[in-house]
Protein backbone atom coordinates (compact mmCIF):
# COMPACT_ATOMS: atom_id res chain seq x y z
CA MET A 1 17.56 18.69 0.36
CA SER A 2 20.94 18.30 2.05
CA ILE A 3 22.20 14.71 2.02
CA ASN A 4 24.66 15.65 4.73
CA LYS A 5 21.83 16.82 6.97
CA ILE A 6 19.93 13.57 6.35
CA HIS A 7 23.07 11.61 7.21
CA GLU A 8 23.50 13.58 10.43
CA VAL A 9 19.90 12.89 11.44
CA ILE A 10 20.29 9.15 10.89
CA GLU A 11 23.59 9.00 12.78
CA THR A 12 22.10 10.92 15.69
CA CYS A 13 19.14 8.53 15.83
CA LEU A 14 21.45 5.52 15.80
CA LYS A 15 23.39 6.91 18.75
CA LYS A 16 20.18 7.40 20.73
CA CYS A 17 18.68 4.09 19.64
CA PRO A 18 21.23 1.58 18.24
CA CYS A 19 19.50 -0.45 15.58
CA LEU A 20 20.29 -2.74 12.69
CA VAL A 21 19.55 -0.58 9.67
CA ASP A 22 20.24 -0.64 5.95
CA VAL A 23 20.86 2.91 4.68
CA ARG A 24 21.29 3.73 1.00
CA TYR A 25 21.60 7.09 -0.68
CA SER A 26 20.20 7.83 -4.16
CA GLU A 27 18.41 4.48 -4.05
CA SER A 28 16.36 3.72 -7.18
CA MET A 29 12.70 3.28 -6.31
CA LYS A 30 12.26 0.99 -9.30
CA GLU A 31 13.52 -1.77 -7.06
CA HIS A 32 10.89 -1.10 -4.40
CA THR A 33 7.61 -0.79 -6.32
CA THR A 34 5.48 -3.26 -8.23
CA PHE A 35 5.27 -0.83 -11.17
CA LYS A 36 9.09 -0.92 -11.49
CA VAL A 37 9.31 2.82 -12.15
CA GLY A 38 10.58 5.83 -10.23
CA GLY A 39 13.70 7.86 -9.69
CA PRO A 40 16.04 7.86 -6.70
CA ALA A 41 15.14 8.45 -3.09
CA ASP A 42 17.51 10.88 -1.40
CA CYS A 43 17.85 8.30 1.34
CA TRP A 44 16.26 4.86 1.75
CA VAL A 45 16.25 3.50 5.30
CA CYS A 46 15.24 -0.03 6.27
CA PRO A 47 15.54 -0.77 10.01
CA LYS A 48 15.03 -4.15 11.64
CA GLY A 49 15.30 -5.82 14.99
CA GLU A 50 13.72 -5.51 18.43
CA VAL A 51 14.14 -1.74 18.70
CA PHE A 52 12.53 -1.10 15.31
CA ALA A 53 9.65 0.96 16.70
CA ALA A 54 11.84 3.04 18.99
CA PHE A 55 14.25 3.83 16.14
CA CYS A 56 11.38 4.81 13.82
CA SER A 57 9.98 7.14 16.48
CA GLU A 58 13.37 8.82 16.91
CA LEU A 59 13.87 9.10 13.15
CA ILE A 60 10.46 10.64 12.45
CA LYS A 61 10.90 13.12 15.30
CA ALA A 62 14.42 14.16 14.27
CA ALA A 63 13.43 14.48 10.62
CA LYS A 64 10.48 16.72 11.48
CA ILE A 65 12.70 19.01 13.55
CA GLU A 66 15.01 19.39 10.53
CA ASN A 67 12.10 19.74 8.06
CA ILE A 68 13.12 16.55 6.27
CA PRO A 69 10.11 14.77 4.77
CA VAL A 70 9.65 11.07 5.57
CA PHE A 71 7.75 8.79 3.20
CA VAL A 72 6.62 5.47 4.66
CA LEU A 73 7.01 2.57 2.23
CA GLY A 74 5.17 -0.71 2.56
CA GLY A 75 5.20 -3.17 -0.31
CA GLY A 76 5.24 -0.45 -2.98
CA ALA A 77 2.16 -2.05 -4.51
CA ASN A 78 -0.11 0.94 -4.94
CA ILE A 79 2.22 3.81 -5.84
CA VAL A 80 3.87 5.49 -8.79
CA VAL A 81 7.08 7.26 -7.80
CA SER A 82 8.04 10.28 -9.88
CA ASP A 83 10.92 9.90 -12.34
CA LYS A 84 12.60 12.63 -10.30
CA GLY A 85 12.40 10.40 -7.23
CA ILE A 86 11.51 11.18 -3.62
CA ARG A 87 13.06 13.94 -1.56
CA GLY A 88 14.00 13.27 2.03
CA ILE A 89 13.86 9.85 3.69
CA VAL A 90 12.02 6.75 2.54
CA LEU A 91 11.31 4.60 5.59
CA ASP A 92 10.91 1.01 4.40
CA MET A 93 8.77 -1.13 6.73
CA GLY A 94 9.64 -4.38 4.99
CA GLN A 95 11.73 -5.82 7.82
CA TRP A 96 9.01 -5.20 10.42
CA SER A 97 7.27 -8.44 9.54
CA SER A 98 5.83 -11.49 11.24
CA GLU A 99 7.41 -14.87 10.76
CA GLY A 100 4.44 -16.23 12.59
CA ALA A 101 1.68 -14.30 14.30
CA CYS A 102 0.69 -13.11 17.72
CA PHE A 103 -2.38 -15.08 18.74
CA LEU A 104 -4.29 -12.82 21.06
CA ASP A 105 -7.11 -15.07 22.21
CA GLN A 106 -7.73 -18.46 20.69
CA ASP A 107 -11.35 -18.49 21.88
CA ASP A 108 -12.08 -15.20 20.14
CA CYS A 109 -9.81 -16.03 17.21
CA GLY A 110 -7.79 -12.86 17.65
CA ILE A 111 -4.60 -12.58 15.62
CA ALA A 112 -2.14 -9.69 15.15
CA PHE A 113 0.51 -8.94 12.54
CA LYS A 114 3.36 -6.49 12.27
CA SER A 115 2.59 -3.91 9.60
CA GLY A 116 5.45 -4.91 7.30
CA THR A 117 4.08 -8.44 6.97
CA GLY A 118 3.24 -9.30 3.38
CA ILE A 119 -0.51 -9.54 2.81
CA ASP A 120 -0.27 -12.96 1.22
CA GLN A 121 2.02 -14.11 4.04
CA ALA A 122 -0.58 -13.03 6.62
CA VAL A 123 -3.26 -14.94 4.74
CA GLU A 124 -1.13 -18.09 4.90
CA ILE A 125 -0.37 -17.67 8.61
CA ALA A 126 -4.06 -17.29 9.44
CA ALA A 127 -4.95 -20.28 7.26
CA SER A 128 -2.32 -22.49 8.91
CA ALA A 129 -3.95 -21.66 12.25
CA GLY A 130 -7.36 -22.66 10.89
CA LEU A 131 -8.64 -19.06 11.01
CA SER A 132 -10.94 -17.83 8.26
CA GLY A 133 -11.72 -14.30 7.09
CA LEU A 134 -8.64 -13.01 5.27
CA GLU A 135 -8.99 -15.30 2.24
CA PHE A 136 -10.29 -12.38 0.14
CA LEU A 137 -6.79 -10.88 0.30
CA ALA A 138 -5.05 -13.97 -1.13
CA GLY A 139 -2.63 -13.11 -3.90
CA MET A 140 -2.76 -9.37 -3.19
CA PRO A 141 0.67 -7.68 -3.16
CA GLY A 142 1.70 -5.20 -0.50
CA THR A 143 1.81 -5.27 3.28
CA ILE A 144 -0.65 -5.41 6.15
CA GLY A 145 0.16 -1.80 7.05
CA GLY A 146 -0.63 -0.63 3.53
CA ALA A 147 -3.82 -2.71 3.46
CA VAL A 148 -4.99 -1.14 6.73
CA TRP A 149 -4.10 2.37 5.53
CA MET A 150 -6.04 1.83 2.30
CA ASN A 151 -8.80 -0.28 3.87
CA ALA A 152 -8.06 -2.83 1.15
CA ARG A 153 -11.16 -4.30 -0.46
CA CYS A 154 -11.94 -7.18 -2.79
CA TYR A 155 -14.78 -9.64 -3.40
CA ASP A 156 -17.18 -7.44 -1.35
CA ARG A 157 -15.03 -7.70 1.79
CA GLU A 158 -12.66 -5.15 3.28
CA ILE A 159 -9.98 -5.02 5.95
CA SER A 160 -12.14 -3.05 8.38
CA ASP A 161 -14.66 -5.92 8.48
CA PHE A 162 -12.17 -7.84 10.64
CA LEU A 163 -9.99 -5.14 12.19
CA THR A 164 -10.09 -4.87 16.01
CA TRP A 165 -7.20 -2.55 16.87
CA VAL A 166 -4.25 -0.80 15.29
CA GLU A 167 -1.05 0.33 17.01
CA ILE A 168 0.58 3.45 15.66
CA ILE A 169 3.36 5.89 16.39
CA ASP A 170 1.30 9.06 16.71
CA CYS A 171 2.09 12.72 16.13
CA ASP A 172 3.63 12.93 19.61
CA TYR A 173 6.01 10.06 18.69
CA GLU A 174 4.34 7.74 21.19
CA ILE A 175 2.98 4.24 20.57
CA LYS A 176 -0.80 4.39 20.77
CA ARG A 177 -3.41 1.65 20.34
CA ILE A 178 -6.61 2.61 18.52
CA THR A 179 -9.60 0.34 19.09
CA ILE A 180 -11.58 -0.20 15.91
CA ASP A 181 -15.12 -0.45 17.25
CA LYS A 182 -18.43 -0.42 15.40
CA SER A 183 -18.83 3.35 15.70
CA LEU A 184 -15.39 4.02 14.19
CA LYS A 185 -16.04 1.57 11.37
CA GLU A 186 -19.31 3.31 10.51
CA THR A 187 -17.95 6.86 10.64
CA GLU A 188 -14.27 6.73 9.67
CA PHE A 189 -13.94 3.79 7.31
CA GLY A 190 -15.36 3.60 3.82
CA TYR A 191 -14.65 2.36 0.33
CA LYS A 192 -10.84 2.30 0.35
CA ILE A 193 -10.88 4.97 3.05
CA SER A 194 -9.46 4.73 6.56
CA PRO A 195 -8.90 7.29 9.33
CA PHE A 196 -5.15 6.73 9.04
CA GLN A 197 -5.14 8.59 5.73
CA LYS A 198 -5.85 11.79 7.67
CA MET A 199 -3.36 11.17 10.49
CA GLU A 200 0.31 11.83 11.03
CA ALA A 201 0.84 8.24 12.07
CA LEU A 202 3.07 5.26 11.40
CA ILE A 203 1.14 1.98 11.51
CA LEU A 204 3.08 -0.61 13.53
CA ASN A 205 0.71 -3.51 14.22
CA ALA A 206 -2.83 -4.54 13.40
CA ALA A 207 -5.14 -7.11 14.99
CA PHE A 208 -8.03 -9.01 13.46
CA ASN A 209 -10.91 -11.04 14.79
CA LEU A 210 -11.36 -14.06 12.52
CA GLU A 211 -13.41 -17.26 12.69
CA LYS A 212 -12.42 -20.84 13.21
CA GLY A 213 -12.69 -22.70 9.93
CA ASN A 214 -11.84 -25.90 8.13
CA ARG A 215 -8.25 -25.67 6.87
CA GLU A 216 -9.08 -27.51 3.65
CA ASN A 217 -11.99 -25.19 2.86
CA ILE A 218 -9.88 -22.14 3.67
CA LYS A 219 -7.17 -23.39 1.32
CA ILE A 220 -9.73 -23.93 -1.46
CA GLU A 221 -10.94 -20.33 -1.10
CA ILE A 222 -7.36 -18.98 -1.08
CA ASP A 223 -6.46 -20.92 -4.22
CA LYS A 224 -9.65 -19.74 -5.96
CA ASN A 225 -8.91 -16.08 -5.25
CA ARG A 226 -5.28 -16.38 -6.31
CA GLN A 227 -6.32 -18.05 -9.55
CA ASP A 228 -8.84 -15.29 -10.20
CA ARG A 229 -6.03 -12.74 -10.01
CA VAL A 230 -3.96 -14.88 -12.38
CA ASN A 231 -6.89 -15.09 -14.79
CA LYS A 232 -7.30 -11.30 -14.70
CA GLY A 233 -3.64 -10.87 -15.65
CA HIS A 234 -2.48 -9.17 -12.44
CA TYR A 235 0.94 -10.81 -12.61
CA LEU A 236 1.69 -10.63 -16.34
CA PHE A 237 3.36 -7.20 -16.25
CA PRO A 238 4.58 -4.75 -13.62
CA CYS A 239 1.51 -2.89 -12.43
CA ALA A 240 -0.36 -1.76 -9.32
CA GLY A 241 -3.64 -3.57 -9.83
CA SER A 242 -6.65 -1.30 -10.30
CA ALA A 243 -5.69 2.13 -11.58
CA PHE A 244 -8.97 3.76 -10.54
CA LYS A 245 -11.45 3.20 -7.76
CA ASN A 246 -14.83 1.76 -8.67
CA ASN A 247 -17.82 3.97 -7.96
CA ARG A 248 -21.19 2.27 -7.62
CA LYS A 249 -22.92 5.49 -8.68
CA PHE A 250 -21.49 4.93 -12.15
CA GLY A 251 -23.61 1.78 -12.52
CA LYS A 252 -20.70 -0.35 -13.70
CA PRO A 253 -17.05 -1.03 -12.88
CA THR A 254 -14.42 1.42 -14.10
CA GLY A 255 -12.91 -1.28 -16.30
CA ALA A 256 -16.23 -1.61 -18.16
CA LEU A 257 -16.38 2.16 -18.74
CA VAL A 258 -12.86 2.16 -20.16
CA ASP A 259 -13.65 -0.84 -22.34
CA GLU A 260 -16.83 0.73 -23.72
CA LEU A 261 -14.87 3.82 -24.73
CA GLY A 262 -12.43 1.66 -26.69
CA MET A 263 -9.40 2.44 -24.58
CA LYS A 264 -8.10 -1.06 -23.88
CA GLY A 265 -4.55 -1.19 -25.25
CA LEU A 266 -4.16 2.61 -25.29
CA LYS A 267 -0.47 3.50 -24.89
CA ARG A 268 1.59 6.43 -23.70
CA GLY A 269 5.26 5.65 -24.02
CA ASN A 270 5.69 2.17 -22.60
CA ALA A 271 2.68 2.43 -20.30
CA ARG A 272 -0.46 0.77 -21.60
CA ILE A 273 -4.06 0.09 -20.63
CA ALA A 274 -3.99 -3.69 -20.33
CA PRO A 275 -5.63 -5.34 -23.35
CA PHE A 276 -7.11 -7.87 -20.93
CA HIS A 277 -8.54 -5.44 -18.31
CA GLY A 278 -9.68 -1.84 -18.72
CA ASN A 279 -8.78 -0.79 -15.17
CA ILE A 280 -5.20 -2.00 -15.11
CA ILE A 281 -2.29 0.08 -16.41
CA ILE A 282 0.81 -1.97 -17.16
CA ASN A 283 4.50 -1.27 -17.66
CA THR A 284 5.27 -3.07 -20.91
CA GLY A 285 9.02 -2.83 -20.45
CA SER A 286 10.71 0.45 -19.75
CA ALA A 287 7.83 2.79 -18.97
CA LYS A 288 8.50 6.03 -17.15
CA ALA A 289 6.40 7.26 -14.26
CA ALA A 290 5.43 10.20 -16.47
CA ASP A 291 4.01 7.75 -19.05
CA ILE A 292 1.79 6.17 -16.40
CA ARG A 293 0.60 9.53 -15.15
CA ALA A 294 -0.11 10.82 -18.65
CA LEU A 295 -2.12 7.70 -19.42
CA THR A 296 -4.03 8.02 -16.14
CA ASP A 297 -4.81 11.65 -16.97
CA GLU A 298 -6.02 10.77 -20.44
CA VAL A 299 -8.30 7.96 -19.32
CA ALA A 300 -9.84 10.18 -16.63
CA ALA A 301 -10.34 13.04 -19.11
CA ARG A 302 -11.94 10.81 -21.76
CA VAL A 303 -14.32 9.22 -19.27
CA LYS A 304 -15.34 12.64 -17.94
CA THR A 305 -15.95 14.00 -21.44
CA ALA A 306 -17.98 10.97 -22.51
CA THR A 307 -19.97 10.32 -19.33
CA GLY A 308 -19.52 13.22 -16.92
CA PHE A 309 -18.11 10.77 -14.37
CA ILE A 310 -14.98 11.81 -12.48
CA LEU A 311 -12.70 8.84 -11.90
CA GLU A 312 -10.69 8.79 -8.69
CA PRO A 313 -7.24 7.23 -9.04
CA GLU A 314 -6.55 4.33 -6.74
CA ILE A 315 -2.83 4.39 -7.44
CA LEU A 316 -1.01 7.14 -5.55
CA PHE A 317 1.44 9.44 -7.31
CA VAL A 318 4.22 10.11 -4.83
CA GLY A 319 7.57 11.86 -4.84
CA ASP A 320 8.83 14.93 -6.65
CA TRP A 321 6.09 15.77 -9.15
CA GLN A 322 6.47 19.51 -8.47
CA GLU A 323 3.59 21.38 -10.13
CA GLU A 324 2.26 18.42 -12.09
CA SER A 325 -1.25 17.27 -11.18
CA LEU A 326 -3.95 15.01 -12.51
CA THR A 327 -6.12 16.68 -15.13
CA LEU A 328 -9.72 15.59 -14.62
């Protein structure tokens, strides 16, 4: 991948659409993921300001013409970047965030957030407005865009329960609003599945229909969910939360399967199955991405051998892994 070509693309986009943008070459992805692992991105780009969407559209279009891959980065909370890094451009959405929120209709309790808004920040904004529904996300790392893409789920609730529309930059580089109606929820959303996973689309904004609630009761629920994450050890070490999806057909959570097979504390390099939770892989200090992947492979292989169950990773392995793949 030619760094000069990437530089030319960015400069051309800036001429067409002047924008405040932070551009860094060979940027370590350790600084941009909750796992604190990963090699350098060829180019990390973080735009901000009123013309954010227009610049992103120009950048994605120009990059595609030049066959330069673009990886969209949210909060880096659900990914493991290869030790070799990421080729092409990493488009960081972090500055496309809401200081407050766009209240769409107070009677219907509609509220919208920019996709780079931190999940926990969005929870607080909704709570301060006396709107209830997003409390299940309290304490979750990442961004609203990532949560929509993944259809984030916890405590038997998921993002799509409240989602009303999503604005994207589509494959024609146009801003398009997708209405999330009952039919779409029933056919295109599922357990940590959304239609955006199959699209060439950049999520810009998302709207939710919440309920009016008592601010004190909302705050109690938020604090309870945050404390539950603390109690489960989510913040003790760099990690990405659950390593594998839960499958109800297995009859028990993935963490219980791992525990029963005696794998809590299992290590590969400086990556370890958390001694306090069987479905969390932690970076105990200076783990490599390869350590995390090897450990993920081993857990999946052992569970398959012992039970016949095929675990599906929840964490995404992104970047330059070349021919490496998960062994199930």
